[in-house]
Structures are given as structure tokens and as C-alpha cells.
Protein backbone atom coordinates (compact mmCIF):
# COMPACT_ATOMS: atom_id res chain seq x y z
CA MET A 1 3.87 -23.39 -34.10
CA ASN A 2 2.93 -22.27 -37.45
CA ALA A 3 -0.58 -22.44 -37.16
CA VAL A 4 -0.44 -20.58 -33.81
CA MET A 5 1.36 -17.89 -34.98
CA MET A 6 -0.72 -17.50 -38.25
CA TYR A 7 -3.68 -17.12 -35.92
CA VAL A 8 -2.06 -14.82 -33.57
CA LYS A 9 -0.83 -12.64 -36.69
CA SER A 10 -4.33 -12.91 -37.99
CA ILE A 11 -5.75 -11.50 -34.54
CA LEU A 12 -3.19 -8.76 -34.23
CA VAL A 13 -3.90 -7.84 -38.07
CA GLY A 14 -7.40 -7.74 -37.44
CA ALA A 15 -7.26 -5.59 -34.03
CA THR A 16 -4.89 -2.99 -35.72
CA ALA A 17 -7.58 -2.87 -38.89
CA SER A 18 -10.31 -2.58 -36.47
CA VAL A 19 -8.85 0.18 -34.37
CA ILE A 20 -7.75 2.35 -37.44
CA THR A 21 -11.13 1.91 -38.94
CA VAL A 22 -12.85 3.26 -36.14
CA ILE A 23 -10.55 6.09 -35.59
CA VAL A 24 -11.34 6.88 -39.13
CA PHE A 25 -14.78 6.34 -38.72
CA LYS A 26 -15.13 8.85 -35.78
CA VAL A 27 -12.97 11.40 -37.52
CA ILE A 28 -14.92 11.02 -40.86
CA ALA A 29 -18.62 11.59 -38.75
CA ALA A 30 -16.82 14.42 -36.99
CA SER A 31 -15.91 16.61 -39.94
CA ILE A 32 -19.47 15.35 -41.29
CA MET A 33 -21.12 17.12 -38.29
CA ILE A 34 -19.13 20.14 -38.17
CA PHE A 35 -19.18 20.79 -42.19
CA PHE A 36 -22.53 19.37 -43.01
CA PRO A 37 -24.99 19.76 -40.22
CA GLU A 38 -27.85 18.91 -42.29
CA VAL A 39 -26.58 15.71 -43.71
CA ALA A 40 -25.17 14.61 -40.34
CA ARG A 41 -28.82 14.75 -38.70
CA ARG A 42 -30.03 12.23 -41.64
CA ILE A 43 -27.04 9.90 -41.05
CA PHE A 44 -26.77 10.19 -37.31
CA PRO A 45 -30.27 11.29 -35.80
CA GLY A 46 -29.69 9.70 -32.29
CA SER A 47 -26.85 12.16 -31.91
CA TYR A 48 -28.42 15.03 -32.48
CA HIS A 49 -29.81 17.04 -29.37
CA THR A 50 -31.64 20.30 -29.36
CA LEU A 51 -31.59 23.34 -26.98
CA GLY A 52 -33.34 26.33 -26.56
CA TRP A 53 -30.51 28.62 -28.54
CA GLY A 54 -29.67 25.59 -31.44
CA GLY A 55 -28.63 21.82 -31.35
CA TYR A 56 -25.50 20.05 -30.94
CA PHE A 57 -23.95 16.48 -32.16
CA ALA A 58 -22.99 14.11 -29.20
CA LEU A 59 -20.08 12.06 -30.78
CA GLU A 60 -20.47 9.47 -28.17
CA LEU A 61 -23.27 8.12 -29.66
CA VAL A 62 -21.79 7.50 -32.84
CA GLY A 63 -19.77 4.70 -31.15
CA ALA A 64 -22.12 1.85 -31.87
CA GLN A 65 -22.11 2.37 -35.46
CA ALA A 66 -18.50 2.71 -35.29
CA LEU A 67 -18.45 -0.35 -33.16
CA ILE A 68 -20.02 -2.42 -36.07
CA VAL A 69 -17.48 -0.96 -38.96
CA GLY A 70 -14.82 -2.04 -36.45
CA VAL A 71 -16.09 -5.75 -35.98
CA PHE A 72 -16.46 -5.80 -39.83
CA ALA A 73 -13.13 -4.54 -40.63
CA PHE A 74 -11.67 -7.02 -37.79
CA VAL A 75 -13.37 -10.10 -39.46
CA LEU A 76 -12.27 -9.21 -42.97
CA ALA A 77 -8.94 -8.54 -41.85
CA PHE A 78 -8.72 -11.94 -39.76
CA VAL A 79 -10.08 -13.58 -42.94
CA TRP A 80 -7.87 -12.19 -45.39
CA MET A 81 -4.76 -13.05 -43.19
CA SER A 82 -5.88 -16.52 -42.33
CA ARG A 83 -6.49 -17.54 -45.85
CA ARG A 84 -3.44 -15.86 -47.27
CA ALA A 85 -1.55 -17.81 -44.76
CA SER A 86 -3.05 -20.98 -45.38
CA ALA A 87 -2.42 -20.66 -48.98
CA ARG A 88 1.45 -20.18 -48.07
CA MET A 89 1.71 -23.75 -46.10
């Protein structure tokens, strides 16, 4: 029973870390797009669209990069919690 709860707790902590990391990544990406558009064109080239009167950024196209960061945060948090819990047993 303790081993099952250890994995459930690790999955919940990993999912929470993933969600928080994706939200923070999107907020940082949006603020870079607003305040530093020249830098944002280099960081997020696929999300910049040009029109006749100027260009704009599409924040939903940053989703793939945010997903990679979120999966990485999930794996780190899961491994950290699993090792921490297994050291106590």
C-alpha cells in the first residue's frame, strides 16, 4: 500500500509541477512578445504572422514548446519524489 501511495503522490506532484510550469512559460512568453517583439521573433519564429499593416504573435503556437517544458518538469518532479520517498522506506 505504501508503494502505491508513493507512486500516486509522485504522479500528482509531477502533474502539478507540469501545469504550473506550462502556465509560467506561457506568461513569460506572452510578456516577451508584448515588451520585446524583436527578441520574440527570434525565440518564437513560427508564431509571428505578418499582415499588410503589421504583424502579430499567436500565443497558441507556443504550445509545443510549453508542452516540452511541461513534460520535462513532470519527469523531474516524479523522479525527485520517487527517490525521496524510497530513501525513507
